[in-house]
Amino acid sequence: MGWLFWKDKRPAWVQAEEREFIKAANRLKTLQVTPRGGMRIDPEELRDQILAARELYKDLVQK
């Protein structure tokens, strides 16, 4: 019965966006969570992800 009070009232698109972010974070190989709730990631892995995304979506950007 307590779950009635905790129902997520955000729009569906916000919930979907959060799920996609969680999936992307789970795919990172070097992601570490500290005991205090912070996160660490290898900068090289992050750079590789950004470069791959740029290549994937470069057709969408007009100069």
N, C-alpha and C. Protein backbone atom coordinates (compact mmCIF):
# COMPACT_ATOMS: atom_id res chain seq x y z
N MET A 1 0.82 -1.19 0.00
CA MET A 1 0.00 0.00 0.00
C MET A 1 0.86 1.26 0.00
N GLY A 2 2.05 1.17 0.57
CA GLY A 2 2.93 2.32 0.62
C GLY A 2 3.37 2.79 -0.76
N TRP A 3 3.36 1.90 -1.75
CA TRP A 3 3.79 2.27 -3.09
C TRP A 3 2.87 3.31 -3.72
N LEU A 4 1.66 3.44 -3.24
CA LEU A 4 0.74 4.45 -3.77
C LEU A 4 1.27 5.86 -3.53
N PHE A 5 1.99 6.04 -2.44
CA PHE A 5 2.52 7.35 -2.11
C PHE A 5 3.79 7.68 -2.90
N TRP A 6 4.46 6.67 -3.40
CA TRP A 6 5.74 6.86 -4.08
C TRP A 6 5.63 6.74 -5.58
N LYS A 7 4.45 6.75 -6.12
CA LYS A 7 4.27 6.61 -7.56
C LYS A 7 4.95 7.78 -8.28
N ASP A 8 5.66 7.46 -9.33
CA ASP A 8 6.38 8.47 -10.11
C ASP A 8 5.39 9.28 -10.93
N LYS A 9 5.29 10.55 -10.65
CA LYS A 9 4.30 11.41 -11.31
C LYS A 9 4.91 12.25 -12.42
N ARG A 10 6.17 11.98 -12.76
CA ARG A 10 6.81 12.72 -13.84
C ARG A 10 6.25 12.28 -15.18
N PRO A 11 6.36 13.14 -16.20
CA PRO A 11 5.88 12.74 -17.54
C PRO A 11 6.63 11.50 -18.05
N ALA A 12 6.00 10.77 -18.95
CA ALA A 12 6.58 9.54 -19.48
C ALA A 12 7.90 9.80 -20.19
N TRP A 13 8.01 10.95 -20.89
CA TRP A 13 9.26 11.22 -21.62
C TRP A 13 10.41 11.46 -20.65
N VAL A 14 10.16 12.01 -19.48
CA VAL A 14 11.22 12.22 -18.49
C VAL A 14 11.66 10.87 -17.93
N GLN A 15 10.70 10.00 -17.65
CA GLN A 15 11.03 8.68 -17.15
C GLN A 15 11.83 7.89 -18.18
N ALA A 16 11.44 7.99 -19.45
CA ALA A 16 12.16 7.28 -20.51
C ALA A 16 13.58 7.83 -20.66
N GLU A 17 13.73 9.13 -20.55
CA GLU A 17 15.05 9.75 -20.66
C GLU A 17 15.95 9.27 -19.51
N GLU A 18 15.40 9.18 -18.32
CA GLU A 18 16.17 8.70 -17.18
C GLU A 18 16.59 7.24 -17.37
N ARG A 19 15.67 6.41 -17.89
CA ARG A 19 16.02 5.01 -18.14
C ARG A 19 17.14 4.90 -19.17
N GLU A 20 17.11 5.72 -20.22
CA GLU A 20 18.16 5.70 -21.23
C GLU A 20 19.50 6.12 -20.64
N PHE A 21 19.48 7.12 -19.75
CA PHE A 21 20.71 7.54 -19.09
C PHE A 21 21.28 6.42 -18.23
N ILE A 22 20.43 5.73 -17.50
CA ILE A 22 20.88 4.63 -16.66
C ILE A 22 21.48 3.51 -17.50
N LYS A 23 20.85 3.20 -18.63
CA LYS A 23 21.39 2.17 -19.52
C LYS A 23 22.76 2.58 -20.05
N ALA A 24 22.90 3.85 -20.43
CA ALA A 24 24.19 4.33 -20.95
C ALA A 24 25.26 4.28 -19.86
N ALA A 25 24.91 4.66 -18.65
CA ALA A 25 25.87 4.62 -17.54
C ALA A 25 26.29 3.19 -17.24
N ASN A 26 25.36 2.26 -17.33
CA ASN A 26 25.68 0.85 -17.05
C ASN A 26 26.59 0.25 -18.12
N ARG A 27 26.62 0.82 -19.32
CA ARG A 27 27.49 0.32 -20.37
C ARG A 27 28.94 0.79 -20.22
N LEU A 28 29.18 1.79 -19.36
CA LEU A 28 30.54 2.27 -19.16
C LEU A 28 31.33 1.22 -18.37
N LYS A 29 32.52 0.91 -18.86
CA LYS A 29 33.31 -0.15 -18.25
C LYS A 29 34.04 0.32 -16.99
N THR A 30 34.44 1.58 -16.95
CA THR A 30 35.29 2.05 -15.85
C THR A 30 34.53 2.91 -14.84
N LEU A 31 33.22 2.91 -14.89
CA LEU A 31 32.44 3.72 -13.96
C LEU A 31 32.54 3.15 -12.55
N GLN A 32 32.90 4.00 -11.61
CA GLN A 32 32.99 3.60 -10.21
C GLN A 32 32.18 4.58 -9.37
N VAL A 33 31.48 4.07 -8.39
CA VAL A 33 30.71 4.91 -7.48
C VAL A 33 31.44 4.92 -6.14
N THR A 34 31.65 6.11 -5.60
CA THR A 34 32.33 6.23 -4.32
C THR A 34 31.35 5.97 -3.19
N PRO A 35 31.85 5.67 -1.99
CA PRO A 35 30.96 5.44 -0.84
C PRO A 35 30.08 6.66 -0.51
N ARG A 36 30.52 7.85 -0.86
CA ARG A 36 29.75 9.06 -0.57
C ARG A 36 28.78 9.41 -1.69
N GLY A 37 28.71 8.59 -2.75
CA GLY A 37 27.74 8.81 -3.82
C GLY A 37 28.30 9.51 -5.04
N GLY A 38 29.58 9.81 -5.05
CA GLY A 38 30.19 10.42 -6.23
C GLY A 38 30.49 9.37 -7.29
N MET A 39 30.88 9.82 -8.47
CA MET A 39 31.20 8.88 -9.54
C MET A 39 32.56 9.21 -10.12
N ARG A 40 33.26 8.17 -10.55
CA ARG A 40 34.54 8.32 -11.23
C ARG A 40 34.49 7.51 -12.52
N ILE A 41 35.14 8.04 -13.54
CA ILE A 41 35.21 7.33 -14.82
C ILE A 41 36.55 7.66 -15.46
N ASP A 42 37.07 6.72 -16.20
CA ASP A 42 38.32 6.92 -16.91
C ASP A 42 38.09 7.96 -18.01
N PRO A 43 38.85 9.06 -18.02
CA PRO A 43 38.65 10.10 -19.03
C PRO A 43 38.83 9.60 -20.47
N GLU A 44 39.69 8.63 -20.65
CA GLU A 44 39.90 8.09 -22.00
C GLU A 44 38.64 7.38 -22.52
N GLU A 45 37.97 6.65 -21.65
CA GLU A 45 36.74 5.98 -22.07
C GLU A 45 35.67 7.01 -22.42
N LEU A 46 35.58 8.04 -21.61
CA LEU A 46 34.60 9.10 -21.86
C LEU A 46 34.90 9.80 -23.19
N ARG A 47 36.17 10.08 -23.45
CA ARG A 47 36.57 10.71 -24.70
C ARG A 47 36.21 9.82 -25.89
N ASP A 48 36.47 8.53 -25.76
CA ASP A 48 36.14 7.59 -26.85
C ASP A 48 34.64 7.56 -27.11
N GLN A 49 33.83 7.60 -26.05
CA GLN A 49 32.38 7.62 -26.20
C GLN A 49 31.91 8.89 -26.92
N ILE A 50 32.49 10.02 -26.56
CA ILE A 50 32.11 11.29 -27.18
C ILE A 50 32.48 11.31 -28.65
N LEU A 51 33.68 10.85 -28.97
CA LEU A 51 34.11 10.82 -30.37
C LEU A 51 33.23 9.89 -31.20
N ALA A 52 32.87 8.75 -30.64
CA ALA A 52 32.00 7.82 -31.36
C ALA A 52 30.62 8.43 -31.60
N ALA A 53 30.10 9.14 -30.59
CA ALA A 53 28.79 9.78 -30.76
C ALA A 53 28.85 10.90 -31.79
N ARG A 54 29.94 11.65 -31.81
CA ARG A 54 30.10 12.71 -32.82
C ARG A 54 30.09 12.14 -34.22
N GLU A 55 30.80 11.05 -34.41
CA GLU A 55 30.83 10.42 -35.72
C GLU A 55 29.45 9.91 -36.12
N LEU A 56 28.75 9.35 -35.17
CA LEU A 56 27.43 8.77 -35.44
C LEU A 56 26.42 9.84 -35.85
N TYR A 57 26.50 11.02 -35.22
CA TYR A 57 25.49 12.05 -35.44
C TYR A 57 25.99 13.26 -36.23
N LYS A 58 27.14 13.17 -36.88
CA LYS A 58 27.69 14.33 -37.58
C LYS A 58 26.81 14.77 -38.76
N ASP A 59 26.00 13.90 -39.29
CA ASP A 59 25.14 14.27 -40.40
C ASP A 59 23.98 15.17 -39.95
N LEU A 60 23.69 15.19 -38.66
CA LEU A 60 22.59 15.99 -38.15
C LEU A 60 22.98 17.46 -37.92
N VAL A 61 24.28 17.74 -37.89
CA VAL A 61 24.76 19.09 -37.57
C VAL A 61 25.12 19.82 -38.85
N GLN A 62 24.59 21.03 -38.98
CA GLN A 62 24.94 21.85 -40.13
C GLN A 62 25.90 22.92 -39.69
N LYS A 63 26.91 23.17 -40.51
CA LYS A 63 27.91 24.20 -40.17
C LYS A 63 27.61 25.49 -40.88
